[in-house]
């Protein structure tokens, strides 16, 4: 199974994607072949979120232990 991030484009009244040539070659996909795709929008974090935890003082091991306890209860 191949996985690729591609751009969605308008194609008449529909939307279309282009399968990268290398991915098509590896999967043996050609014109008129039927394929199954899984559609998931790529969600990127907000630009201001990077570095937002700078100076965070909590011990990583303690934080992990707390999350595990919450999950198990």
Protein backbone atom coordinates (compact mmCIF):
# COMPACT_ATOMS: atom_id res chain seq x y z
CA UNK A 1 0.00 0.00 0.00
CA UNK A 2 1.34 3.40 -0.97
CA UNK A 3 0.76 6.62 0.94
CA UNK A 4 1.28 10.11 -0.44
CA UNK A 5 0.21 13.63 0.49
CA UNK A 6 -1.26 15.27 -2.61
CA UNK A 7 -3.02 18.52 -3.46
CA UNK A 8 -6.73 18.48 -4.27
CA UNK A 9 -7.65 20.33 -7.47
CA UNK A 10 -10.89 21.33 -9.10
CA UNK A 11 -11.84 19.10 -12.01
CA UNK A 12 -15.06 20.40 -13.58
CA UNK A 13 -17.72 20.25 -10.84
CA UNK A 14 -15.69 17.66 -8.91
CA UNK A 15 -12.40 17.53 -7.06
CA UNK A 16 -9.47 15.41 -8.17
CA UNK A 17 -6.04 14.29 -7.04
CA UNK A 18 -3.03 13.18 -9.03
CA UNK A 19 -1.36 9.94 -7.97
CA UNK A 20 2.41 10.50 -8.03
CA UNK A 21 4.05 8.52 -10.86
CA UNK A 22 6.43 6.71 -8.51
CA UNK A 23 3.56 5.55 -6.25
CA UNK A 24 1.56 4.40 -9.29
CA UNK A 25 4.57 2.49 -10.62
CA UNK A 26 5.23 0.74 -7.29
CA UNK A 27 1.57 -0.34 -7.05
CA UNK A 28 1.30 -1.24 -10.73
CA UNK A 29 -1.54 1.25 -11.29
CA UNK A 30 -2.35 2.23 -14.86
CA UNK A 31 -5.06 4.11 -16.76
CA UNK A 32 -8.59 2.77 -16.21
CA UNK A 33 -7.48 0.67 -13.19
CA UNK A 34 -9.83 0.79 -10.24
CA UNK A 35 -8.22 1.90 -6.97
CA UNK A 36 -9.35 2.26 -3.38
CA UNK A 37 -8.41 5.51 -1.66
CA UNK A 38 -8.69 6.65 1.94
CA UNK A 39 -9.47 10.35 2.18
CA UNK A 40 -8.20 12.26 5.23
CA UNK A 41 -7.56 15.98 5.37
CA UNK A 42 -4.06 16.85 6.55
CA UNK A 43 -4.40 19.05 9.61
CA UNK A 44 -1.42 21.17 10.49
CA UNK A 45 -0.91 22.74 13.91
CA UNK A 46 -1.43 26.49 14.28
CA UNK A 47 1.74 28.46 13.61
CA UNK A 48 1.79 29.90 17.15
CA UNK A 49 1.72 26.48 18.81
CA UNK A 50 5.40 25.69 18.20
CA UNK A 51 7.51 26.63 21.18
CA UNK A 52 4.43 27.32 23.32
CA UNK A 53 5.67 24.97 26.07
CA UNK A 54 9.08 26.60 26.34
CA UNK A 55 10.05 26.82 29.98
CA UNK A 56 7.56 24.12 31.01
CA UNK A 57 8.82 22.83 34.33
CA UNK A 58 6.93 19.51 34.72
CA UNK A 59 9.06 16.38 34.84
CA UNK A 60 8.32 14.29 31.72
CA UNK A 61 8.31 10.96 33.63
CA UNK A 62 5.87 12.32 36.24
CA UNK A 63 3.62 13.66 33.48
CA UNK A 64 3.65 10.28 31.70
CA UNK A 65 2.79 8.47 34.95
CA UNK A 66 -0.14 10.84 35.59
CA UNK A 67 -1.51 10.32 32.08
CA UNK A 68 -1.23 6.54 32.49
CA UNK A 69 -3.13 6.65 35.80
CA UNK A 70 -5.90 8.77 34.22
CA UNK A 71 -6.14 6.41 31.26
CA UNK A 72 -6.32 3.29 33.45
CA UNK A 73 -9.06 4.64 35.73
